[in-house]
Amino acid sequence: MRHVEVRGGTYRDSVRLMEVSRAVAGTPGVSAALVAMATELNVGMAADLGFDVPSGVSPNDLLIAIEVSGDGLAAALATLAGEMERRVAPASGPTGTPPRTVGSAIRRDGADLALISTPGRYAVADAADALLAGASVVLFSDNVPVAAEIALKDLAAERGLLLMGPDCGTAVVGGVGLGFANVVRPGPVGLVSASGTGAQQVMSLLDAAGVGVSHCLGVGGRDLSAAVAGRSTRAALAALDADPATELILVISKPPAPEVASGIRAYATMLATPVLFALLGAGEPDLTTATERVLAALDHPVPDWPAWPGEVGAPGKGALRGLFSGGTLCDEAMLIASATLGPVHSNIPLNPQWTLGPDLDAGGAHAMIDFGDDALTAGRPHPMIDSTLRLHRLAVEAADPTCAAILLDVVLGHAAHPDPAAELAPAIAAVGTPVVVSLTGTDGDPQGIIQQISGLQRAGAAVFRSNAAAARHAVGLVAP
């Protein structure tokens, strides 16, 4: 039987609701469970699972959908009740009356950096409060309007501070990882990154080569857009140029606005510290090549980036489908694939004519989906934490006779899923077409990189440490 329930006025954080869903799904007799805020995306997910959701629900309602066999519903609802009532113990901190605002916390503790991850509609006020209190900001939150981003970055500049973000998924400041961050060794390379997973890919490759980073300053994926015009990139470059531990700077970005990229290159020539660039786009180096240029500039040998062969399916003619949790890794793969295959459709298209519709159906064409895009994370945890949407899409692609190969990324590190291979491997093993995995991570990451590689390879996937190499291998499977 299917049980659907809507509770008005009940809110839990998306990550907490993911944990509740998993607990309910693990109850004996339960074959499917979704406990989430009733956003359009989550209502659609429930419908795809076969649930009939009442009309008129709003994103402020809690949606509960459980499919159960036999008499297991009572046990499932009991698990749900227990999980909803369970309180997560707060982290230890200063005793006394807790501060009521971000600014008061900064002033009380003398902090000079604030990490903000509240929903986008609240994050703007929290970030402004932090800047006015004298702290730089790592703004992890997405769904922040561009106009608000510009205003916050101008406020930061007026006060001699740095706004990293919004949608700053990755930063490393003084050896401390913030957001989605890999465990990397200290070293001479400073990164300025308008990309989260792009920075993680570069840091992981540098770590594999034995080279560390001084800092990684994320500036938000839109910073090199025409509207934002590199405001935080300039501030981050100036900060790294003043840092004695930074000997070389690499600027990483999703495809930037050409006029903004040109201005940043000109600004970099005025700095004392050498600056290299990894600005994705036609004719530009991919992230692996840019990393190799960094190593060469440091007179450090370039290793052979490891790869492990796969066993699922046989190559053949058809479409390539990419399922990504990292937007920059998706962009890089699309650039590489489109050079050989032609148009690659996407929800973050390189060309507006290659845009996927709301149902993300490619209609037999080559396609790559960024599941970390703002439109797919509203009311849901990021896909590096929760693979539910990707697993659903993996099953869809496996059943599509036009799909000849599947490319996906797995990103390790703090804040990411504790064991992504265990979640993905059964689905990969069930696919009849070749699966290629780009694995971003380091030997120090908590998931255990060797364990992850082994689990994915045993499931039949070909695994590559270089995202660019993974993309080229996948292209070769559909266009040998």
Protein backbone atom coordinates (compact mmCIF):
# COMPACT_ATOMS: atom_id res chain seq x y z
CA MET A 1 0.00 0.00 0.00
CA ARG A 2 1.00 3.64 -0.49
CA HIS A 3 0.65 6.16 2.33
CA VAL A 4 0.77 9.88 1.47
CA GLU A 5 0.52 12.56 4.13
CA VAL A 6 0.98 16.35 4.08
CA ARG A 7 1.78 18.22 7.30
CA GLY A 8 1.42 21.98 7.24
CA GLY A 9 3.62 24.13 9.43
CA THR A 10 6.27 21.44 9.94
CA TYR A 11 9.84 22.19 8.86
CA ARG A 12 13.12 20.31 9.08
CA ASP A 13 16.42 20.98 7.32
CA SER A 14 16.84 19.09 4.02
CA VAL A 15 19.80 17.07 5.29
CA ARG A 16 17.87 16.08 8.41
CA LEU A 17 14.91 15.00 6.26
CA MET A 18 17.25 12.93 4.11
CA GLU A 19 18.29 11.08 7.27
CA VAL A 20 14.64 10.62 8.24
CA SER A 21 13.84 9.22 4.77
CA ARG A 22 16.69 6.73 5.01
CA ALA A 23 15.58 5.59 8.48
CA VAL A 24 11.99 5.06 7.31
CA ALA A 25 13.16 3.31 4.13
CA GLY A 26 15.17 0.90 6.31
CA THR A 27 12.07 -0.22 8.23
CA PRO A 28 11.10 -3.85 7.43
CA GLY A 29 8.41 -3.98 4.77
CA VAL A 30 9.10 -0.50 3.35
CA SER A 31 10.00 -0.50 -0.35
CA ALA A 32 10.10 3.29 -0.88
CA ALA A 33 10.07 6.35 1.38
CA LEU A 34 10.30 10.08 0.77
CA VAL A 35 10.12 12.59 3.62
CA ALA A 36 10.81 16.09 2.31
CA MET A 37 9.52 19.62 2.08
CA ALA A 38 6.88 19.79 -0.67
CA THR A 39 8.90 21.78 -3.20
CA GLU A 40 8.03 21.34 -6.87
CA LEU A 41 11.08 19.12 -7.32
CA ASN A 42 10.20 16.85 -4.38
CA VAL A 43 6.52 16.62 -5.40
CA GLY A 44 7.68 15.57 -8.86
CA MET A 45 10.03 13.01 -7.33
CA ALA A 46 7.12 11.54 -5.34
CA ALA A 47 5.01 11.35 -8.50
CA ASP A 48 7.85 9.55 -10.32
CA LEU A 49 7.85 6.99 -7.48
CA GLY A 50 4.13 6.36 -8.08
CA PHE A 51 2.63 8.43 -5.25
CA ASP A 52 -0.52 10.52 -5.75
CA VAL A 53 0.26 13.84 -4.05
CA PRO A 54 -2.74 16.03 -3.13
CA SER A 55 -3.09 19.28 -5.07
CA GLY A 56 -2.48 22.59 -3.38
CA VAL A 57 0.61 21.63 -1.41
CA SER A 58 3.24 24.32 -0.86
CA PRO A 59 7.01 24.31 -0.22
CA ASN A 60 6.19 25.12 3.42
CA ASP A 61 4.41 21.76 3.85
CA LEU A 62 6.09 18.51 4.86
CA LEU A 63 5.44 15.70 2.39
CA ILE A 64 5.49 12.10 3.63
CA ALA A 65 5.22 9.28 1.07
CA ILE A 66 5.71 5.65 2.09
CA GLU A 67 5.21 2.45 0.09
CA VAL A 68 4.92 -0.61 2.32
CA SER A 69 3.89 -4.24 2.04
CA GLY A 70 1.91 -6.31 4.53
CA ASP A 71 1.27 -4.75 7.90
CA GLY A 72 4.50 -2.72 8.01
CA LEU A 73 2.88 0.73 7.87
CA ALA A 74 2.53 1.02 11.66
CA ALA A 75 6.23 0.28 12.13
CA ALA A 76 7.17 2.75 9.38
CA LEU A 77 5.08 5.51 10.97
CA ALA A 78 6.58 4.71 14.37
CA THR A 79 10.08 5.10 12.88
CA LEU A 80 8.98 8.36 11.29
CA ALA A 81 7.63 9.71 14.57
CA GLY A 82 10.80 8.77 16.44
CA GLU A 83 13.07 10.34 13.85
CA MET A 84 11.02 13.54 13.65
CA GLU A 85 11.14 13.95 17.42
CA ARG A 86 14.83 13.11 17.75
CA ARG A 87 16.96 16.16 18.36
CA VAL A 88 20.50 16.41 17.07
CA ALA A 89 22.83 17.44 19.88
CA PRO A 90 24.36 20.86 19.26
CA ALA A 91 28.10 21.15 18.84
CA SER A 92 29.99 22.19 21.95
CA GLY A 93 30.89 25.86 22.11
CA PRO A 94 31.06 28.84 24.43
CA THR A 95 28.76 28.57 27.41
CA GLY A 96 26.17 31.13 28.40
CA THR A 97 23.32 32.73 26.45
CA PRO A 98 23.69 31.88 22.75
CA PRO A 99 23.93 34.86 20.38
CA ARG A 100 20.75 35.67 18.44
CA THR A 101 22.45 36.99 15.29
CA VAL A 102 25.55 36.24 13.22
CA GLY A 103 26.92 39.70 13.94
CA SER A 104 26.54 39.36 17.71
CA ALA A 105 28.33 36.00 17.59
CA ILE A 106 31.23 37.54 15.66
CA ARG A 107 31.54 40.45 18.07
CA ARG A 108 31.32 38.16 21.11
CA ASP A 109 34.00 35.72 19.94
CA GLY A 110 36.24 38.09 17.97
CA ALA A 111 35.87 35.96 14.83
CA ASP A 112 37.20 37.20 11.50
CA LEU A 113 35.53 34.62 9.23
CA ALA A 114 31.91 33.44 9.09
CA LEU A 115 30.55 30.40 7.23
CA ILE A 116 26.90 30.93 6.27
CA SER A 117 24.69 28.17 4.86
CA THR A 118 21.15 29.35 5.60
CA PRO A 119 18.57 29.26 2.74
CA GLY A 120 19.25 31.87 0.08
CA ARG A 121 16.37 34.15 1.01
CA TYR A 122 17.81 34.52 4.54
CA ALA A 123 21.51 34.26 3.71
CA VAL A 124 21.77 37.76 2.29
CA ALA A 125 20.84 39.36 5.63
CA ASP A 126 23.14 36.98 7.55
CA ALA A 127 26.07 37.73 5.24
CA ALA A 128 25.53 41.50 5.48
CA ASP A 129 25.34 41.18 9.28
CA ALA A 130 28.68 39.34 9.31
CA LEU A 131 30.40 41.87 7.04
CA LEU A 132 29.13 44.79 9.11
CA ALA A 133 30.52 43.07 12.22
CA GLY A 134 33.97 42.93 10.60
CA ALA A 135 34.25 39.34 9.36
CA SER A 136 34.92 37.99 5.90
CA VAL A 137 32.29 35.51 4.71
CA VAL A 138 32.17 32.08 3.13
CA LEU A 139 28.64 32.11 1.70
CA PHE A 140 27.84 28.44 1.05
CA SER A 141 24.16 29.21 0.33
CA ASP A 142 22.77 29.08 -3.21
CA ASN A 143 19.66 30.70 -4.72
CA VAL A 144 20.98 34.18 -3.84
CA PRO A 145 19.90 36.86 -6.39
CA VAL A 146 22.67 38.35 -8.53
CA ALA A 147 21.83 41.88 -7.41
CA ALA A 148 22.24 40.83 -3.78
CA GLU A 149 25.57 39.15 -4.59
CA ILE A 150 26.88 42.37 -6.14
CA ALA A 151 25.71 44.45 -3.17
CA LEU A 152 27.36 42.09 -0.68
CA LYS A 153 30.65 42.06 -2.61
CA ASP A 154 30.68 45.85 -2.81
CA LEU A 155 30.03 46.02 0.95
CA ALA A 156 32.92 43.61 1.56
CA ALA A 157 35.25 45.73 -0.61
CA GLU A 158 34.27 48.91 1.26
CA ARG A 159 35.25 47.28 4.55
CA GLY A 160 38.44 45.59 3.32
CA LEU A 161 36.91 42.11 3.62
CA LEU A 162 36.36 39.16 1.29
CA LEU A 163 33.00 37.65 0.34
CA MET A 164 33.50 34.09 -0.89
CA GLY A 165 30.34 33.01 -2.71
CA PRO A 166 27.41 32.79 -2.90
CA ASP A 167 27.30 29.12 -3.81
CA CYS A 168 30.87 28.82 -2.53
CA GLY A 169 30.95 25.08 -2.11
CA THR A 170 34.67 24.75 -1.35
CA ALA A 171 37.30 26.78 0.48
CA VAL A 172 40.51 26.04 2.35
CA VAL A 173 41.71 28.83 4.62
CA GLY A 174 44.90 28.35 6.61
CA GLY A 175 44.68 24.59 6.13
CA VAL A 176 41.06 24.38 7.33
CA GLY A 177 38.58 23.00 4.82
CA LEU A 178 35.19 24.72 4.64
CA GLY A 179 32.15 23.35 2.84
CA PHE A 180 32.96 20.42 0.55
CA ALA A 181 36.70 20.14 1.07
CA ASN A 182 39.28 17.45 0.48
CA VAL A 183 42.10 16.69 2.90
CA VAL A 184 45.14 18.22 1.21
CA ARG A 185 48.69 18.87 2.32
CA PRO A 186 50.01 22.41 2.88
CA GLY A 187 52.09 23.83 0.07
CA PRO A 188 52.97 26.76 -2.17
CA VAL A 189 49.95 26.92 -4.52
CA GLY A 190 47.14 29.38 -3.86
CA LEU A 191 43.84 28.90 -5.66
CA VAL A 192 41.19 31.46 -6.56
CA SER A 193 38.20 29.52 -7.73
CA ALA A 194 34.85 30.45 -9.24
CA SER A 195 34.11 26.75 -9.02
CA GLY A 196 33.77 24.25 -6.18
CA THR A 197 34.40 20.89 -7.81
CA GLY A 198 36.90 22.45 -10.21
CA ALA A 199 38.98 23.49 -7.21
CA GLN A 200 38.55 20.04 -5.67
CA GLN A 201 39.73 18.37 -8.88
CA VAL A 202 42.85 20.56 -9.05
CA MET A 203 43.65 20.19 -5.33
CA SER A 204 43.23 16.42 -5.56
CA LEU A 205 45.51 16.13 -8.59
CA LEU A 206 48.12 18.36 -6.94
CA ASP A 207 47.93 16.21 -3.80
CA ALA A 208 48.38 13.05 -5.88
CA ALA A 209 51.51 14.64 -7.35
CA GLY A 210 52.82 15.49 -3.88
CA VAL A 211 52.17 19.26 -3.99
CA GLY A 212 50.03 21.14 -1.46
CA VAL A 213 48.07 24.40 -1.30
CA SER A 214 48.39 27.49 0.89
CA HIS A 215 44.74 28.56 0.57
CA CYS A 216 41.80 27.94 -1.74
CA LEU A 217 39.57 31.01 -1.88
CA GLY A 218 36.23 30.24 -3.52
CA VAL A 219 34.51 33.26 -5.02
CA GLY A 220 31.20 31.78 -6.26
CA GLY A 221 30.37 30.36 -9.67
CA ARG A 222 29.02 33.67 -11.01
CA ASP A 223 31.94 35.89 -10.01
CA LEU A 224 33.44 35.99 -13.52
CA SER A 225 30.06 36.60 -15.15
CA ALA A 226 29.45 39.90 -16.93
CA ALA A 227 27.16 41.08 -14.13
CA VAL A 228 29.44 40.37 -11.15
CA ALA A 229 32.60 41.28 -13.12
CA GLY A 230 35.19 39.48 -10.98
CA ARG A 231 34.68 41.52 -7.83
CA SER A 232 35.76 38.79 -5.41
CA THR A 233 38.37 37.35 -7.78
CA ARG A 234 40.35 40.58 -7.65
CA ALA A 235 40.07 40.73 -3.86
CA ALA A 236 41.16 37.09 -3.51
CA LEU A 237 44.12 37.60 -5.87
CA ALA A 238 45.26 40.57 -3.80
CA ALA A 239 44.99 38.55 -0.58
CA LEU A 240 47.05 35.65 -1.95
CA ASP A 241 49.61 38.04 -3.45
CA ALA A 242 50.16 39.41 0.06
CA ASP A 243 50.54 35.93 1.57
CA PRO A 244 54.21 34.89 2.01
CA ALA A 245 53.28 31.19 1.93
CA THR A 246 51.85 31.46 -1.61
CA GLU A 247 54.45 31.12 -4.38
CA LEU A 248 52.11 30.58 -7.33
CA ILE A 249 48.42 31.33 -7.92
CA LEU A 250 45.99 29.44 -10.14
CA VAL A 251 42.65 31.01 -11.09
CA ILE A 252 39.93 28.44 -11.84
CA SER A 253 36.53 29.21 -13.33
CA LYS A 254 33.57 27.81 -15.18
CA PRO A 255 33.34 29.41 -18.65
CA PRO A 256 33.72 33.15 -17.85
CA ALA A 257 32.51 36.25 -19.66
CA PRO A 258 35.35 37.01 -22.13
CA GLU A 259 35.64 40.68 -21.20
CA VAL A 260 35.80 39.83 -17.47
CA ALA A 261 38.44 37.16 -18.06
CA SER A 262 40.50 39.66 -20.04
CA GLY A 263 40.30 42.17 -17.20
CA ILE A 264 41.36 39.60 -14.61
CA ARG A 265 44.33 38.55 -16.73
CA ALA A 266 45.41 42.18 -16.97
CA TYR A 267 45.00 42.67 -13.23
CA ALA A 268 47.13 39.55 -12.56
CA THR A 269 50.09 41.02 -14.47
CA MET A 270 50.34 43.74 -11.82
CA LEU A 271 50.87 41.26 -8.97
CA ALA A 272 54.23 40.15 -7.62
CA THR A 273 53.15 36.49 -7.43
CA PRO A 274 52.98 34.53 -10.72
CA VAL A 275 49.41 33.74 -11.80
CA LEU A 276 48.26 30.91 -14.09
CA PHE A 277 44.73 30.36 -15.37
CA ALA A 278 42.30 27.47 -15.78
CA LEU A 279 39.31 29.26 -17.30
CA LEU A 280 37.23 26.61 -18.99
CA GLY A 281 36.22 27.34 -22.57
CA ALA A 282 37.00 26.58 -26.18
CA GLY A 283 40.75 26.63 -26.77
CA GLU A 284 41.53 26.80 -23.04
CA PRO A 285 43.35 24.08 -21.06
CA ASP A 286 41.26 21.54 -19.19
CA LEU A 287 41.73 21.24 -15.43
CA THR A 288 44.22 18.38 -15.69
CA THR A 289 46.36 20.26 -18.22
CA ALA A 290 46.23 23.40 -16.05
CA THR A 291 47.38 21.34 -13.05
CA GLU A 292 50.26 19.96 -15.10
CA ARG A 293 51.28 23.52 -16.00
CA VAL A 294 51.33 24.41 -12.30
CA LEU A 295 53.60 21.44 -11.61
CA ALA A 296 55.89 22.41 -14.48
CA ALA A 297 56.10 26.00 -13.21
CA LEU A 298 57.21 24.61 -9.83
CA ASP A 299 59.76 22.29 -11.53
CA HIS A 300 57.84 19.35 -10.09
CA PRO A 301 57.46 16.12 -12.12
CA VAL A 302 54.08 15.38 -13.67
CA PRO A 303 52.85 11.89 -12.77
CA ASP A 304 50.80 9.52 -14.87
CA TRP A 305 47.27 10.06 -13.57
CA PRO A 306 45.97 6.63 -12.55
CA ALA A 307 42.96 4.90 -14.08
CA TRP A 308 41.28 1.52 -13.55
CA PRO A 309 39.45 -0.36 -16.36
CA GLY A 310 35.75 -1.25 -16.21
CA GLU A 311 33.77 -4.29 -17.26
CA VAL A 312 30.16 -3.13 -17.69
CA GLY A 313 28.75 -3.53 -21.21
CA ALA A 314 30.38 -3.10 -24.58
CA PRO A 315 30.89 0.14 -26.50
CA GLY A 316 28.58 0.88 -29.38
CA LYS A 317 26.88 3.63 -31.33
CA GLY A 318 24.44 5.78 -29.44
CA ALA A 319 24.28 8.71 -27.05
CA LEU A 320 26.59 9.67 -24.21
CA ARG A 321 24.83 10.67 -20.98
CA GLY A 322 26.61 12.45 -18.13
CA LEU A 323 25.20 12.56 -14.59
CA PHE A 324 27.21 15.02 -12.49
CA SER A 325 27.17 16.35 -8.96
CA GLY A 326 29.78 19.01 -9.86
CA GLY A 327 28.86 21.80 -12.26
CA THR A 328 32.42 22.56 -13.34
CA LEU A 329 33.20 18.89 -13.91
CA CYS A 330 30.04 18.77 -16.03
CA ASP A 331 31.15 21.86 -17.98
CA GLU A 332 34.60 20.39 -18.58
CA ALA A 333 33.14 17.09 -19.79
CA MET A 334 30.73 18.90 -22.13
CA LEU A 335 33.56 20.97 -23.64
CA ILE A 336 35.60 17.82 -24.29
CA ALA A 337 32.65 15.80 -25.61
CA SER A 338 31.18 18.49 -27.85
CA ALA A 339 34.52 18.91 -29.65
CA THR A 340 34.09 15.36 -30.98
CA LEU A 341 30.40 14.55 -30.74
CA GLY A 342 28.80 17.91 -31.53
CA PRO A 343 25.94 19.35 -29.46
CA VAL A 344 25.67 18.06 -25.89
CA HIS A 345 22.37 19.07 -24.30
CA SER A 346 22.27 20.09 -20.65
CA ASN A 347 20.44 21.94 -17.89
CA ILE A 348 23.58 24.15 -17.74
CA PRO A 349 24.18 24.35 -21.51
CA LEU A 350 27.30 25.75 -23.14
CA ASN A 351 24.99 26.90 -25.95
CA PRO A 352 21.39 28.05 -25.26
CA GLN A 353 20.20 25.93 -28.17
CA TRP A 354 21.31 22.80 -26.31
CA THR A 355 19.07 23.31 -23.26
CA LEU A 356 17.23 20.33 -21.80
CA GLY A 357 13.55 20.74 -20.95
CA PRO A 358 12.15 20.57 -17.40
CA ASP A 359 11.91 16.77 -17.59
CA LEU A 360 15.64 16.60 -18.52
CA ASP A 361 14.78 14.26 -21.41
CA ALA A 362 17.46 14.31 -24.10
CA GLY A 363 15.28 12.62 -26.74
CA GLY A 364 18.09 10.39 -28.00
CA ALA A 365 20.74 13.15 -28.05
CA HIS A 366 24.00 13.42 -26.13
CA ALA A 367 23.26 15.04 -22.77
CA MET A 368 24.88 15.89 -19.44
CA ILE A 369 23.01 16.92 -16.29
CA ASP A 370 24.37 18.92 -13.36
CA PHE A 371 22.36 17.71 -10.37
CA GLY A 372 24.01 20.38 -8.23
CA ASP A 373 22.37 23.22 -10.17
CA ASP A 374 20.27 25.57 -8.04
CA ALA A 375 17.04 24.42 -9.68
CA LEU A 376 17.67 20.82 -8.54
CA THR A 377 18.82 21.58 -4.99
CA ALA A 378 15.93 23.74 -3.75
CA GLY A 379 14.57 21.89 -0.73
CA ARG A 380 17.01 19.00 -1.23
CA PRO A 381 20.55 18.21 -0.04
CA HIS A 382 23.33 18.65 -2.59
CA PRO A 383 23.90 15.53 -4.76
CA MET A 384 27.35 15.10 -3.22
CA ILE A 385 25.43 14.31 -0.02
CA ASP A 386 22.29 12.66 -1.39
CA SER A 387 22.39 10.55 -4.58
CA THR A 388 18.63 9.95 -4.78
CA LEU A 389 18.00 11.99 -7.95
CA ARG A 390 21.11 10.65 -9.68
CA LEU A 391 20.24 7.06 -8.85
CA HIS A 392 16.75 7.59 -10.26
CA ARG A 393 18.22 9.08 -13.44
CA LEU A 394 20.80 6.31 -13.72
CA ALA A 395 17.95 3.79 -13.87
CA VAL A 396 16.20 5.91 -16.52
CA GLU A 397 19.32 6.03 -18.70
CA ALA A 398 19.97 2.32 -18.25
CA ALA A 399 16.50 1.60 -19.66
CA ASP A 400 16.94 3.99 -22.62
CA PRO A 401 17.97 2.07 -25.78
CA THR A 402 19.56 5.24 -27.24
CA CYS A 403 22.06 5.47 -24.35
CA ALA A 404 25.40 3.89 -25.27
CA ALA A 405 27.57 5.03 -22.32
CA ILE A 406 27.18 6.83 -18.99
CA LEU A 407 29.68 9.24 -17.44
CA LEU A 408 29.40 10.37 -13.83
CA ASP A 409 31.50 11.97 -11.13
CA VAL A 410 32.15 10.92 -7.55
CA VAL A 411 33.56 13.62 -5.27
CA LEU A 412 35.03 12.71 -1.89
CA GLY A 413 36.01 14.86 1.10
CA HIS A 414 34.51 16.39 4.20
CA ALA A 415 30.73 17.05 4.06
CA ALA A 416 30.27 14.65 1.11
CA HIS A 417 28.47 11.29 1.38
CA PRO A 418 30.39 9.00 3.77
CA ASP A 419 30.44 6.07 1.30
CA PRO A 420 29.26 7.06 -2.20
CA ALA A 421 30.57 3.86 -3.81
CA ALA A 422 28.32 1.72 -1.60
CA GLU A 423 25.29 3.72 -2.75
CA LEU A 424 26.22 3.87 -6.45
CA ALA A 425 27.78 0.44 -7.00
CA PRO A 426 24.54 -1.64 -7.04
CA ALA A 427 23.00 0.73 -9.58
CA ILE A 428 26.14 0.70 -11.74
CA ALA A 429 26.26 -3.10 -11.65
CA ALA A 430 22.67 -3.24 -12.92
CA VAL A 431 23.45 -1.07 -15.97
CA GLY A 432 23.99 -2.88 -19.25
CA THR A 433 25.95 -0.07 -20.91
CA PRO A 434 29.51 1.05 -20.07
CA VAL A 435 29.85 3.34 -17.03
CA VAL A 436 32.81 5.71 -16.63
CA VAL A 437 33.52 7.41 -13.28
CA SER A 438 35.58 10.52 -12.63
CA LEU A 439 36.76 10.21 -9.00
CA THR A 440 37.91 13.37 -7.22
CA GLY A 441 39.56 12.77 -3.87
CA THR A 442 42.78 12.37 -1.91
CA ASP A 443 44.44 9.68 0.19
CA GLY A 444 43.48 11.59 3.33
CA ASP A 445 39.75 11.88 2.63
CA PRO A 446 37.50 10.21 5.22
CA GLN A 447 35.74 7.94 2.69
CA GLY A 448 38.97 6.02 1.93
CA ILE A 449 39.86 6.54 -1.72
CA ILE A 450 41.15 3.00 -2.27
CA GLN A 451 37.91 1.57 -0.87
CA GLN A 452 35.90 3.83 -3.18
CA ILE A 453 37.93 2.87 -6.26
CA SER A 454 37.62 -0.84 -5.45
CA GLY A 455 33.87 -0.65 -4.90
CA LEU A 456 33.24 1.20 -8.15
CA GLN A 457 35.56 -1.03 -10.16
CA ARG A 458 33.99 -4.22 -8.75
CA ALA A 459 30.62 -2.87 -9.91
CA GLY A 460 32.05 -2.71 -13.43
CA ALA A 461 32.85 0.99 -13.80
CA ALA A 462 36.00 2.38 -15.37
CA VAL A 463 37.49 4.82 -12.83
CA PHE A 464 39.73 7.83 -13.58
CA ARG A 465 41.38 10.34 -11.22
CA SER A 466 41.37 12.92 -14.04
CA ASN A 467 37.92 14.20 -15.02
CA ALA A 468 39.24 15.19 -18.45
CA ALA A 469 40.62 11.69 -19.03
CA ALA A 470 37.31 10.16 -17.94
CA ALA A 471 35.41 12.36 -20.39
CA ARG A 472 37.73 11.44 -23.28
CA HIS A 473 37.39 7.74 -22.47
CA ALA A 474 33.59 8.02 -22.41
CA VAL A 475 33.60 9.86 -25.75
CA GLY A 476 35.71 7.10 -27.22
CA LEU A 477 33.10 4.53 -26.22
CA VAL A 478 30.38 6.16 -28.32
CA ALA A 479 32.66 7.49 -31.11
CA PRO A 480 35.51 4.96 -31.33
